Every structure is written in structure tokens, then in C-alpha cells.
């Protein structure tokens, strides 16, 4: 748990960046409060999570990235920020003001809900979970820590008799579409 002093420090930086944001428009990453922390790398974490010694994030806005050094983490954060900023502006939405809390937005479930019974069966029989929240952006990568999706791809073929290994995105909505097409034949 973070110390009270660290939380107060972050809150002060957020307030300061919020105040300064009124002096300009067209905010960039440097206008936002950023925190860069060195991670304590435990052995319980899978390798893809322990490769980053440093973790950077925009405070109040759910954007983060890792790197082997502070500079790498900040550079990766810059890339994530640029993508998120572009997404917001392309949707015609104003960019959130520096220092404010940006609520989490959940992705659509429209495509997944078109196969709701299949999705529930898939969660139990392929993922081996009692339940899971799946959106149109969910992929096989969200449900394991292995280096490849091979074991889940094999399980899908075993359970549904459909090869989905060519679906590069590994998005579940695309996999459900393919399984439903295979069942319709």
C-alpha cells in the first residue's frame, strides 16, 4: 500500500497541473501529472510483467507503460498517450483536462452479445473460468500468461472443431463469429 506521503505528493502534482492547464489549450504529455516508479519485481509475476523495471503512468487517467529505464518507461508512456489522445480527438471528444480523474470506459459488447450463449460456453469450456466479463475488444491474451495462444487455440479446435489460429488479433468476438459460422455448416 502506498504511503500517505506519496498519495499527498501525487495529489499536489495533480492539483498543480490542473491549475496550470487553464493557461493553455492543446495539452501534451508534459502538461499532465506523471508518476514513474521502480517496480519491486517478485518471482510470482509472469515474465511478460517482470521485463519492465520502471512503470510510468498519467495520474488520474488510465494510461500507463513500462520500460527497462525511466526514460524507456516515459517514452512508452508517450506512445500510449499519443494513441489515447488521437482516439479521443477522432471521436470528437475534448481531451480530459490535466489533473482530473478520467472514468474507466468499457468497450462495447455488441458483437459478443450476438453470441451470448456461445460466449458463456466458451468461458467455461475453453477458458476454464466460472465467469468472465468479455467485450468486443477482449482477446485470448487477456486470459493467460503464456508466451503464445497455442494451448487455447488447440482447446478451441478440440471443443468446437474450428481452427481459429489465423485470426491474428485473437479477439474473442472474431473467434465467436468463426465458431458460429462453423456450427452453421
N, C-alpha and C. Protein backbone atom coordinates (compact mmCIF):
# COMPACT_ATOMS: atom_id res chain seq x y z
N UNK A 1 0.84 -1.17 0.00
CA UNK A 1 0.00 0.00 0.00
C UNK A 1 0.89 1.24 0.00
N UNK A 2 0.48 2.19 -0.80
CA UNK A 2 1.27 3.42 -0.91
C UNK A 2 1.16 4.24 0.36
N UNK A 3 2.21 4.90 0.69
CA UNK A 3 2.22 5.70 1.90
C UNK A 3 1.37 6.95 1.73
N UNK A 4 0.95 7.49 2.84
CA UNK A 4 0.15 8.71 2.83
C UNK A 4 0.93 9.85 2.20
N UNK A 5 2.21 9.93 2.47
CA UNK A 5 3.06 10.98 1.91
C UNK A 5 3.10 10.90 0.38
N UNK A 6 3.22 9.69 -0.17
CA UNK A 6 3.26 9.50 -1.63
C UNK A 6 1.92 9.91 -2.25
N UNK A 7 0.83 9.56 -1.61
CA UNK A 7 -0.50 9.93 -2.13
C UNK A 7 -0.70 11.44 -2.09
N UNK A 8 -0.24 12.09 -1.03
CA UNK A 8 -0.34 13.55 -0.93
C UNK A 8 0.51 14.24 -2.00
N UNK A 9 1.70 13.69 -2.23
CA UNK A 9 2.59 14.23 -3.26
C UNK A 9 1.92 14.15 -4.63
N UNK A 10 1.33 12.99 -4.96
CA UNK A 10 0.64 12.83 -6.23
C UNK A 10 -0.56 13.77 -6.34
N UNK A 11 -1.31 13.91 -5.25
CA UNK A 11 -2.48 14.80 -5.26
C UNK A 11 -2.05 16.25 -5.49
N UNK A 12 -0.94 16.66 -4.88
CA UNK A 12 -0.44 18.02 -5.09
C UNK A 12 0.01 18.23 -6.53
N UNK A 13 0.67 17.25 -7.12
CA UNK A 13 1.09 17.36 -8.53
C UNK A 13 -0.12 17.44 -9.44
N UNK A 14 -1.14 16.65 -9.16
CA UNK A 14 -2.37 16.69 -9.98
C UNK A 14 -3.02 18.07 -9.88
N UNK A 15 -3.10 18.61 -8.67
CA UNK A 15 -3.72 19.92 -8.49
C UNK A 15 -2.92 21.00 -9.22
N UNK A 16 -1.59 20.94 -9.12
CA UNK A 16 -0.73 21.91 -9.77
C UNK A 16 -0.89 21.85 -11.29
N UNK A 17 -0.90 20.66 -11.86
CA UNK A 17 -1.06 20.51 -13.31
C UNK A 17 -2.46 20.96 -13.75
N UNK A 18 -3.45 20.72 -12.91
CA UNK A 18 -4.81 21.17 -13.21
C UNK A 18 -4.85 22.70 -13.26
N UNK A 19 -4.26 23.35 -12.28
CA UNK A 19 -4.22 24.83 -12.26
C UNK A 19 -3.50 25.37 -13.49
N UNK A 20 -2.36 24.80 -13.81
CA UNK A 20 -1.59 25.27 -14.97
C UNK A 20 -2.30 25.02 -16.29
N UNK A 21 -3.21 24.05 -16.33
CA UNK A 21 -3.88 23.71 -17.59
C UNK A 21 -4.79 24.82 -18.10
N UNK A 22 -5.16 25.76 -17.24
CA UNK A 22 -6.03 26.85 -17.66
C UNK A 22 -5.26 27.92 -18.45
N UNK A 23 -3.94 27.84 -18.43
CA UNK A 23 -3.12 28.83 -19.12
C UNK A 23 -2.90 28.49 -20.59
N UNK A 24 -3.32 27.28 -21.02
CA UNK A 24 -3.11 26.89 -22.41
C UNK A 24 -4.15 25.86 -22.84
N UNK A 25 -4.20 25.59 -24.12
CA UNK A 25 -5.02 24.52 -24.66
C UNK A 25 -4.11 23.62 -25.49
N UNK A 26 -4.64 22.52 -26.00
CA UNK A 26 -3.82 21.62 -26.80
C UNK A 26 -2.78 20.93 -25.97
N UNK A 27 -3.20 20.32 -24.87
CA UNK A 27 -2.28 19.72 -23.92
C UNK A 27 -1.52 18.54 -24.51
N UNK A 28 -0.27 18.42 -24.08
CA UNK A 28 0.60 17.31 -24.44
C UNK A 28 0.95 16.54 -23.16
N UNK A 29 1.69 15.46 -23.31
CA UNK A 29 2.01 14.62 -22.15
C UNK A 29 2.66 15.42 -21.02
N UNK A 30 3.57 16.34 -21.35
CA UNK A 30 4.27 17.10 -20.31
C UNK A 30 3.32 18.00 -19.50
N UNK A 31 2.10 18.23 -19.99
CA UNK A 31 1.13 19.04 -19.26
C UNK A 31 0.37 18.22 -18.21
N UNK A 32 0.52 16.91 -18.24
CA UNK A 32 -0.20 16.02 -17.34
C UNK A 32 0.69 15.56 -16.19
N UNK A 33 0.10 15.30 -15.03
CA UNK A 33 0.90 14.77 -13.92
C UNK A 33 1.28 13.32 -14.19
N UNK A 34 2.56 13.04 -14.18
CA UNK A 34 3.07 11.70 -14.49
C UNK A 34 3.83 11.17 -13.29
N UNK A 35 3.66 9.91 -13.03
CA UNK A 35 4.38 9.23 -11.96
C UNK A 35 5.22 8.11 -12.58
N UNK A 36 6.49 8.04 -12.20
CA UNK A 36 7.36 6.95 -12.66
C UNK A 36 7.90 6.26 -11.41
N UNK A 37 7.63 4.99 -11.33
CA UNK A 37 8.03 4.21 -10.15
C UNK A 37 8.89 3.03 -10.57
N UNK A 38 9.82 2.70 -9.72
CA UNK A 38 10.60 1.47 -9.91
C UNK A 38 9.78 0.34 -9.31
N UNK A 39 9.59 -0.73 -10.07
CA UNK A 39 8.79 -1.85 -9.60
C UNK A 39 9.62 -2.78 -8.73
N UNK A 40 8.97 -3.35 -7.73
CA UNK A 40 9.62 -4.43 -6.98
C UNK A 40 9.21 -5.70 -7.70
N UNK A 41 10.18 -6.33 -8.33
CA UNK A 41 9.89 -7.47 -9.18
C UNK A 41 9.89 -8.76 -8.36
N UNK A 42 8.71 -9.26 -8.12
CA UNK A 42 8.58 -10.51 -7.38
C UNK A 42 8.62 -11.71 -8.32
N UNK A 43 8.94 -12.84 -7.77
CA UNK A 43 9.02 -14.05 -8.58
C UNK A 43 7.64 -14.59 -8.93
N UNK A 44 6.60 -14.10 -8.28
CA UNK A 44 5.25 -14.60 -8.54
C UNK A 44 4.68 -14.05 -9.85
N UNK A 45 5.30 -13.01 -10.40
CA UNK A 45 4.80 -12.43 -11.63
C UNK A 45 5.31 -13.18 -12.85
N UNK A 46 4.46 -13.30 -13.90
CA UNK A 46 4.92 -13.95 -15.13
C UNK A 46 5.97 -13.10 -15.84
N UNK A 47 6.80 -13.70 -16.69
CA UNK A 47 7.91 -12.99 -17.34
C UNK A 47 7.50 -11.74 -18.11
N UNK A 48 6.36 -11.75 -18.78
CA UNK A 48 6.00 -10.57 -19.57
C UNK A 48 5.70 -9.35 -18.69
N UNK A 49 5.46 -9.55 -17.39
CA UNK A 49 5.24 -8.43 -16.49
C UNK A 49 6.51 -8.00 -15.78
N UNK A 50 7.49 -8.87 -15.68
CA UNK A 50 8.70 -8.54 -14.95
C UNK A 50 9.78 -7.96 -15.85
N UNK A 51 9.51 -7.83 -17.14
CA UNK A 51 10.52 -7.29 -18.06
C UNK A 51 10.69 -5.78 -17.88
N UNK A 52 9.75 -5.14 -17.24
CA UNK A 52 9.82 -3.69 -17.06
C UNK A 52 10.21 -3.36 -15.62
N UNK A 53 11.36 -2.75 -15.47
CA UNK A 53 11.82 -2.38 -14.15
C UNK A 53 11.14 -1.09 -13.67
N UNK A 54 10.72 -0.25 -14.63
CA UNK A 54 10.07 1.01 -14.29
C UNK A 54 8.69 1.06 -14.91
N UNK A 55 7.78 1.72 -14.20
CA UNK A 55 6.41 1.84 -14.67
C UNK A 55 6.00 3.31 -14.58
N UNK A 56 5.52 3.85 -15.70
CA UNK A 56 5.09 5.26 -15.75
C UNK A 56 3.59 5.31 -16.00
N UNK A 57 2.94 6.30 -15.41
CA UNK A 57 1.50 6.45 -15.62
C UNK A 57 1.10 7.91 -15.52
N UNK A 58 0.02 8.23 -16.22
CA UNK A 58 -0.57 9.56 -16.10
C UNK A 58 -1.54 9.48 -14.93
N UNK A 59 -1.33 10.29 -13.92
CA UNK A 59 -2.16 10.26 -12.73
C UNK A 59 -3.59 10.71 -13.05
N UNK A 60 -4.55 9.89 -12.65
CA UNK A 60 -5.95 10.21 -12.85
C UNK A 60 -6.50 9.76 -14.19
N UNK A 61 -5.63 9.42 -15.11
CA UNK A 61 -6.06 8.99 -16.44
C UNK A 61 -5.46 7.61 -16.65
N UNK A 62 -6.21 6.65 -17.00
CA UNK A 62 -5.77 5.25 -17.03
C UNK A 62 -4.88 4.96 -18.23
N UNK A 63 -3.69 5.55 -18.21
CA UNK A 63 -2.68 5.33 -19.24
C UNK A 63 -1.39 5.00 -18.52
N UNK A 64 -0.78 3.87 -18.87
CA UNK A 64 0.48 3.50 -18.25
C UNK A 64 1.32 2.69 -19.21
N UNK A 65 2.61 2.59 -18.90
CA UNK A 65 3.55 1.84 -19.74
C UNK A 65 4.79 1.54 -18.93
N UNK A 66 5.51 0.52 -19.35
CA UNK A 66 6.71 0.11 -18.65
C UNK A 66 7.95 0.20 -19.52
N UNK A 67 9.11 0.11 -18.86
CA UNK A 67 10.38 0.13 -19.57
C UNK A 67 11.50 -0.32 -18.66
N UNK A 68 12.64 -0.62 -19.29
CA UNK A 68 13.81 -1.06 -18.53
C UNK A 68 14.46 0.08 -17.76
N UNK A 69 14.19 1.32 -18.19
CA UNK A 69 14.73 2.51 -17.51
C UNK A 69 13.61 3.53 -17.39
N UNK A 70 13.87 4.58 -16.62
CA UNK A 70 12.87 5.64 -16.51
C UNK A 70 12.59 6.27 -17.86
N UNK A 71 13.64 6.48 -18.65
CA UNK A 71 13.47 7.09 -19.97
C UNK A 71 12.64 6.20 -20.90
N UNK A 72 12.89 4.89 -20.87
CA UNK A 72 12.12 3.96 -21.70
C UNK A 72 10.65 3.94 -21.27
N UNK A 73 10.40 3.93 -19.97
CA UNK A 73 9.03 3.92 -19.48
C UNK A 73 8.31 5.20 -19.89
N UNK A 74 8.99 6.33 -19.79
CA UNK A 74 8.38 7.60 -20.18
C UNK A 74 8.14 7.66 -21.69
N UNK A 75 9.06 7.13 -22.47
CA UNK A 75 8.89 7.09 -23.92
C UNK A 75 7.70 6.22 -24.30
N UNK A 76 7.60 5.05 -23.67
CA UNK A 76 6.46 4.15 -23.94
C UNK A 76 5.15 4.80 -23.51
N UNK A 77 5.19 5.54 -22.39
CA UNK A 77 4.01 6.25 -21.94
C UNK A 77 3.61 7.31 -22.97
N UNK A 78 4.60 7.98 -23.55
CA UNK A 78 4.33 8.97 -24.58
C UNK A 78 3.60 8.37 -25.77
N UNK A 79 4.00 7.16 -26.16
CA UNK A 79 3.34 6.47 -27.27
C UNK A 79 1.89 6.14 -26.91
N UNK A 80 1.69 5.62 -25.68
CA UNK A 80 0.32 5.30 -25.24
C UNK A 80 -0.54 6.55 -25.16
N UNK A 81 0.04 7.63 -24.66
CA UNK A 81 -0.69 8.90 -24.55
C UNK A 81 -1.10 9.39 -25.94
N UNK A 82 -0.17 9.33 -26.90
CA UNK A 82 -0.47 9.79 -28.26
C UNK A 82 -1.61 9.00 -28.87
N UNK A 83 -1.61 7.67 -28.66
CA UNK A 83 -2.71 6.83 -29.17
C UNK A 83 -4.03 7.21 -28.53
N UNK A 84 -4.02 7.35 -27.21
CA UNK A 84 -5.26 7.67 -26.50
C UNK A 84 -5.77 9.05 -26.88
N UNK A 85 -4.86 10.01 -27.00
CA UNK A 85 -5.24 11.37 -27.40
C UNK A 85 -5.87 11.35 -28.79
N UNK A 86 -5.25 10.62 -29.70
CA UNK A 86 -5.77 10.51 -31.06
C UNK A 86 -7.16 9.88 -31.06
N UNK A 87 -7.35 8.82 -30.27
CA UNK A 87 -8.66 8.18 -30.17
C UNK A 87 -9.72 9.15 -29.68
N UNK A 88 -9.40 9.91 -28.63
CA UNK A 88 -10.36 10.86 -28.08
C UNK A 88 -10.72 11.92 -29.13
N UNK A 89 -9.71 12.47 -29.78
CA UNK A 89 -9.96 13.54 -30.75
C UNK A 89 -10.68 13.02 -31.98
N UNK A 90 -10.36 11.79 -32.42
CA UNK A 90 -11.05 11.21 -33.57
C UNK A 90 -12.53 10.94 -33.28
N UNK A 91 -12.86 10.73 -32.02
CA UNK A 91 -14.26 10.52 -31.62
C UNK A 91 -14.98 11.85 -31.40
N UNK A 92 -14.26 12.96 -31.63
CA UNK A 92 -14.86 14.28 -31.46
C UNK A 92 -15.04 14.68 -30.01
N UNK A 93 -14.28 14.08 -29.13
CA UNK A 93 -14.39 14.38 -27.70
C UNK A 93 -13.25 15.29 -27.28
N UNK A 94 -13.53 16.20 -26.37
CA UNK A 94 -12.44 17.05 -25.88
C UNK A 94 -11.49 16.22 -25.00
N UNK A 95 -10.24 16.57 -25.06
CA UNK A 95 -9.24 15.88 -24.26
C UNK A 95 -9.47 16.21 -22.78
N UNK A 96 -9.39 15.21 -21.90
CA UNK A 96 -9.57 15.49 -20.47
C UNK A 96 -8.50 16.47 -19.98
N UNK A 97 -8.92 17.38 -19.13
CA UNK A 97 -8.02 18.38 -18.57
C UNK A 97 -6.98 17.70 -17.68
N UNK A 98 -5.73 18.14 -17.74
CA UNK A 98 -4.70 17.58 -16.86
C UNK A 98 -5.12 17.67 -15.39
N UNK A 99 -4.83 16.60 -14.67
CA UNK A 99 -5.09 16.57 -13.23
C UNK A 99 -6.44 16.04 -12.82
N UNK A 100 -7.38 15.87 -13.76
CA UNK A 100 -8.70 15.38 -13.39
C UNK A 100 -8.75 13.86 -13.44
N UNK A 101 -9.74 13.29 -12.76
CA UNK A 101 -9.98 11.85 -12.84
C UNK A 101 -10.78 11.55 -14.09
N UNK A 102 -10.28 10.64 -14.89
CA UNK A 102 -10.98 10.21 -16.10
C UNK A 102 -11.57 8.85 -15.81
N UNK A 103 -12.90 8.72 -15.88
CA UNK A 103 -13.51 7.43 -15.56
C UNK A 103 -13.13 6.36 -16.58
N UNK A 104 -13.12 5.13 -16.11
CA UNK A 104 -12.86 4.00 -17.00
C UNK A 104 -14.07 3.83 -17.91
N UNK A 105 -13.79 3.63 -19.19
CA UNK A 105 -14.85 3.37 -20.15
C UNK A 105 -14.73 1.94 -20.63
N UNK A 106 -15.83 1.23 -20.57
CA UNK A 106 -15.82 -0.15 -21.02
C UNK A 106 -16.13 -0.22 -22.50
N UNK A 107 -15.46 -1.13 -23.18
CA UNK A 107 -15.68 -1.33 -24.61
C UNK A 107 -17.05 -1.94 -24.84
N UNK A 108 -17.54 -1.78 -26.04
CA UNK A 108 -18.83 -2.32 -26.43
C UNK A 108 -18.84 -3.84 -26.32
N UNK A 109 -20.01 -4.39 -26.11
CA UNK A 109 -20.21 -5.83 -26.10
C UNK A 109 -21.17 -6.26 -27.20
N UNK A 110 -21.41 -5.39 -28.16
CA UNK A 110 -22.42 -5.66 -29.19
C UNK A 110 -22.13 -6.96 -29.95
N UNK A 111 -20.91 -7.14 -30.43
CA UNK A 111 -20.58 -8.35 -31.19
C UNK A 111 -20.56 -9.59 -30.31
N UNK A 112 -20.06 -9.46 -29.09
CA UNK A 112 -20.03 -10.60 -28.17
C UNK A 112 -21.46 -11.01 -27.82
N UNK A 113 -22.32 -10.04 -27.57
CA UNK A 113 -23.70 -10.33 -27.19
C UNK A 113 -24.50 -10.98 -28.32
N UNK A 114 -24.02 -10.88 -29.54
CA UNK A 114 -24.67 -11.57 -30.66
C UNK A 114 -24.49 -13.08 -30.51
N UNK A 115 -23.53 -13.48 -29.69
CA UNK A 115 -23.23 -14.91 -29.46
C UNK A 115 -23.20 -15.18 -27.95
N UNK A 116 -24.18 -14.70 -27.22
CA UNK A 116 -24.13 -14.74 -25.76
C UNK A 116 -24.03 -16.16 -25.20
N UNK A 117 -24.80 -17.10 -25.77
CA UNK A 117 -24.74 -18.48 -25.27
C UNK A 117 -23.39 -19.11 -25.59
N UNK A 118 -22.87 -18.85 -26.78
CA UNK A 118 -21.55 -19.34 -27.16
C UNK A 118 -20.49 -18.74 -26.23
N UNK A 119 -20.60 -17.46 -25.94
CA UNK A 119 -19.63 -16.79 -25.07
C UNK A 119 -19.60 -17.45 -23.69
N UNK A 120 -20.77 -17.72 -23.14
CA UNK A 120 -20.83 -18.35 -21.82
C UNK A 120 -20.23 -19.76 -21.86
N UNK A 121 -20.54 -20.51 -22.92
CA UNK A 121 -19.99 -21.86 -23.08
C UNK A 121 -18.47 -21.79 -23.23
N UNK A 122 -17.99 -20.83 -24.01
CA UNK A 122 -16.56 -20.63 -24.26
C UNK A 122 -15.82 -20.32 -22.96
N UNK A 123 -16.41 -19.47 -22.14
CA UNK A 123 -15.79 -19.11 -20.86
C UNK A 123 -15.58 -20.36 -20.00
N UNK A 124 -16.58 -21.23 -19.97
CA UNK A 124 -16.48 -22.44 -19.15
C UNK A 124 -15.57 -23.50 -19.78
N UNK A 125 -15.81 -23.81 -21.05
CA UNK A 125 -15.15 -24.97 -21.67
C UNK A 125 -13.75 -24.68 -22.21
N UNK A 126 -13.49 -23.47 -22.66
CA UNK A 126 -12.17 -23.15 -23.21
C UNK A 126 -11.30 -22.43 -22.19
N UNK A 127 -11.85 -21.38 -21.59
CA UNK A 127 -11.05 -20.62 -20.64
C UNK A 127 -10.99 -21.28 -19.26
N UNK A 128 -11.95 -22.16 -18.97
CA UNK A 128 -11.96 -22.86 -17.69
C UNK A 128 -12.28 -21.96 -16.52
N UNK A 129 -13.10 -20.94 -16.78
CA UNK A 129 -13.47 -19.99 -15.73
C UNK A 129 -14.96 -20.11 -15.41
N UNK A 130 -15.35 -19.83 -14.17
CA UNK A 130 -16.78 -19.86 -13.85
C UNK A 130 -17.54 -18.71 -14.51
N UNK A 131 -16.86 -17.57 -14.68
CA UNK A 131 -17.47 -16.42 -15.35
C UNK A 131 -16.37 -15.45 -15.75
N UNK A 132 -16.71 -14.55 -16.67
CA UNK A 132 -15.76 -13.52 -17.10
C UNK A 132 -16.53 -12.43 -17.82
N UNK A 133 -16.02 -11.20 -17.73
CA UNK A 133 -16.59 -10.08 -18.49
C UNK A 133 -15.81 -9.99 -19.78
N UNK A 134 -16.53 -10.08 -20.90
CA UNK A 134 -15.89 -10.05 -22.21
C UNK A 134 -16.49 -8.92 -23.02
N UNK A 135 -15.63 -8.13 -23.65
CA UNK A 135 -16.08 -7.06 -24.54
C UNK A 135 -15.66 -7.38 -25.97
N UNK A 136 -16.04 -6.53 -26.89
CA UNK A 136 -15.64 -6.70 -28.29
C UNK A 136 -14.14 -6.50 -28.47
N UNK A 137 -13.46 -5.97 -27.48
CA UNK A 137 -12.01 -5.77 -27.54
C UNK A 137 -11.23 -6.86 -26.81
N UNK A 138 -11.92 -7.76 -26.12
CA UNK A 138 -11.25 -8.83 -25.38
C UNK A 138 -10.58 -9.80 -26.35
N UNK A 139 -9.42 -10.30 -25.94
CA UNK A 139 -8.71 -11.27 -26.77
C UNK A 139 -8.24 -12.44 -25.90
N UNK A 140 -7.77 -13.47 -26.56
CA UNK A 140 -7.22 -14.62 -25.82
C UNK A 140 -6.10 -14.20 -24.88
N UNK A 141 -5.34 -13.18 -25.28
CA UNK A 141 -4.21 -12.71 -24.47
C UNK A 141 -4.64 -12.24 -23.08
N UNK A 142 -5.91 -11.85 -22.94
CA UNK A 142 -6.40 -11.34 -21.66
C UNK A 142 -6.61 -12.43 -20.62
N UNK A 143 -6.50 -13.71 -21.04
CA UNK A 143 -6.89 -14.80 -20.15
C UNK A 143 -5.79 -15.80 -19.84
N UNK A 144 -4.54 -15.43 -20.08
CA UNK A 144 -3.43 -16.31 -19.72
C UNK A 144 -2.13 -15.51 -19.66
N UNK A 145 -1.09 -16.16 -19.16
CA UNK A 145 0.22 -15.53 -19.04
C UNK A 145 1.29 -16.22 -19.88
N UNK A 146 0.88 -17.10 -20.77
CA UNK A 146 1.83 -17.83 -21.60
C UNK A 146 2.39 -16.93 -22.71
N UNK A 147 3.44 -17.38 -23.34
CA UNK A 147 4.08 -16.62 -24.42
C UNK A 147 3.29 -16.66 -25.72
N UNK A 148 2.47 -17.70 -25.91
CA UNK A 148 1.65 -17.82 -27.12
C UNK A 148 0.24 -18.24 -26.74
N UNK A 149 -0.65 -18.17 -27.71
CA UNK A 149 -2.04 -18.60 -27.51
C UNK A 149 -2.24 -20.06 -27.90
N UNK A 150 -1.17 -20.77 -28.20
CA UNK A 150 -1.27 -22.11 -28.76
C UNK A 150 -2.16 -23.07 -27.96
N UNK A 151 -2.05 -23.07 -26.65
CA UNK A 151 -2.85 -24.02 -25.86
C UNK A 151 -4.33 -23.70 -25.96
N UNK A 152 -4.70 -22.42 -25.95
CA UNK A 152 -6.12 -22.05 -26.09
C UNK A 152 -6.62 -22.31 -27.50
N UNK A 153 -5.78 -22.07 -28.50
CA UNK A 153 -6.17 -22.35 -29.89
C UNK A 153 -6.44 -23.84 -30.07
N UNK A 154 -5.60 -24.68 -29.47
CA UNK A 154 -5.80 -26.13 -29.55
C UNK A 154 -7.09 -26.53 -28.83
N UNK A 155 -7.33 -25.89 -27.70
CA UNK A 155 -8.56 -26.20 -26.94
C UNK A 155 -9.80 -25.80 -27.74
N UNK A 156 -9.77 -24.67 -28.42
CA UNK A 156 -10.90 -24.23 -29.25
C UNK A 156 -11.16 -25.25 -30.35
N UNK A 157 -10.10 -25.71 -30.99
CA UNK A 157 -10.25 -26.71 -32.07
C UNK A 157 -10.81 -28.02 -31.51
N UNK A 158 -10.35 -28.40 -30.34
CA UNK A 158 -10.82 -29.63 -29.70
C UNK A 158 -12.30 -29.53 -29.32
N UNK A 159 -12.69 -28.41 -28.72
CA UNK A 159 -14.06 -28.25 -28.23
C UNK A 159 -15.06 -27.98 -29.36
N UNK A 160 -14.68 -27.09 -30.29
CA UNK A 160 -15.64 -26.65 -31.31
C UNK A 160 -15.35 -27.19 -32.71
N UNK A 161 -14.20 -27.83 -32.90
CA UNK A 161 -13.86 -28.37 -34.21
C UNK A 161 -13.59 -27.31 -35.25
N UNK A 162 -13.16 -26.12 -34.80
CA UNK A 162 -12.92 -24.99 -35.70
C UNK A 162 -11.51 -24.47 -35.47
N UNK A 163 -10.76 -24.26 -36.56
CA UNK A 163 -9.41 -23.70 -36.47
C UNK A 163 -9.51 -22.17 -36.55
N UNK A 164 -9.05 -21.51 -35.51
CA UNK A 164 -9.08 -20.03 -35.47
C UNK A 164 -7.68 -19.46 -35.37
N UNK A 165 -6.67 -20.28 -35.63
CA UNK A 165 -5.28 -19.85 -35.47
C UNK A 165 -4.88 -18.73 -36.43
N UNK A 166 -5.65 -18.52 -37.50
CA UNK A 166 -5.32 -17.47 -38.46
C UNK A 166 -5.90 -16.10 -38.08
N UNK A 167 -6.66 -16.04 -37.00
CA UNK A 167 -7.21 -14.76 -36.53
C UNK A 167 -6.12 -14.07 -35.73
N UNK A 168 -5.38 -13.18 -36.39
CA UNK A 168 -4.20 -12.57 -35.78
C UNK A 168 -4.51 -11.73 -34.54
N UNK A 169 -5.65 -11.06 -34.53
CA UNK A 169 -5.99 -10.22 -33.38
C UNK A 169 -6.29 -11.03 -32.14
N UNK A 170 -6.69 -12.29 -32.32
CA UNK A 170 -7.10 -13.18 -31.23
C UNK A 170 -8.30 -12.62 -30.47
N UNK A 171 -9.04 -11.67 -31.09
CA UNK A 171 -10.22 -11.11 -30.44
C UNK A 171 -11.32 -12.15 -30.34
N UNK A 172 -11.92 -12.23 -29.17
CA UNK A 172 -12.93 -13.25 -28.94
C UNK A 172 -14.16 -13.05 -29.82
N UNK A 173 -14.55 -11.81 -30.12
CA UNK A 173 -15.72 -11.60 -30.96
C UNK A 173 -15.49 -12.18 -32.36
N UNK A 174 -14.27 -12.08 -32.87
CA UNK A 174 -13.95 -12.65 -34.18
C UNK A 174 -13.92 -14.17 -34.11
N UNK A 175 -13.41 -14.69 -33.00
CA UNK A 175 -13.39 -16.14 -32.79
C UNK A 175 -14.82 -16.67 -32.70
N UNK A 176 -15.68 -15.97 -31.97
CA UNK A 176 -17.08 -16.39 -31.85
C UNK A 176 -17.77 -16.39 -33.21
N UNK A 177 -17.49 -15.37 -34.03
CA UNK A 177 -18.07 -15.33 -35.39
C UNK A 177 -17.66 -16.57 -36.16
N UNK A 178 -16.37 -16.94 -36.10
CA UNK A 178 -15.86 -18.09 -36.84
C UNK A 178 -16.49 -19.38 -36.32
N UNK A 179 -16.57 -19.52 -35.00
CA UNK A 179 -17.16 -20.74 -34.42
C UNK A 179 -18.62 -20.83 -34.85
N UNK A 180 -19.36 -19.73 -34.79
CA UNK A 180 -20.77 -19.73 -35.18
C UNK A 180 -20.93 -20.09 -36.66
N UNK A 181 -20.03 -19.61 -37.52
CA UNK A 181 -20.07 -19.97 -38.93
C UNK A 181 -19.80 -21.46 -39.11
N UNK A 182 -18.84 -21.98 -38.35
CA UNK A 182 -18.51 -23.41 -38.43
C UNK A 182 -19.66 -24.27 -37.98
N UNK A 183 -20.39 -23.84 -36.96
CA UNK A 183 -21.53 -24.59 -36.44
C UNK A 183 -22.70 -24.55 -37.43
N UNK A 184 -22.79 -23.47 -38.22
CA UNK A 184 -23.90 -23.32 -39.16
C UNK A 184 -23.75 -24.21 -40.38
N UNK A 185 -22.53 -24.69 -40.63
CA UNK A 185 -22.29 -25.52 -41.83
C UNK A 185 -22.84 -26.90 -41.68
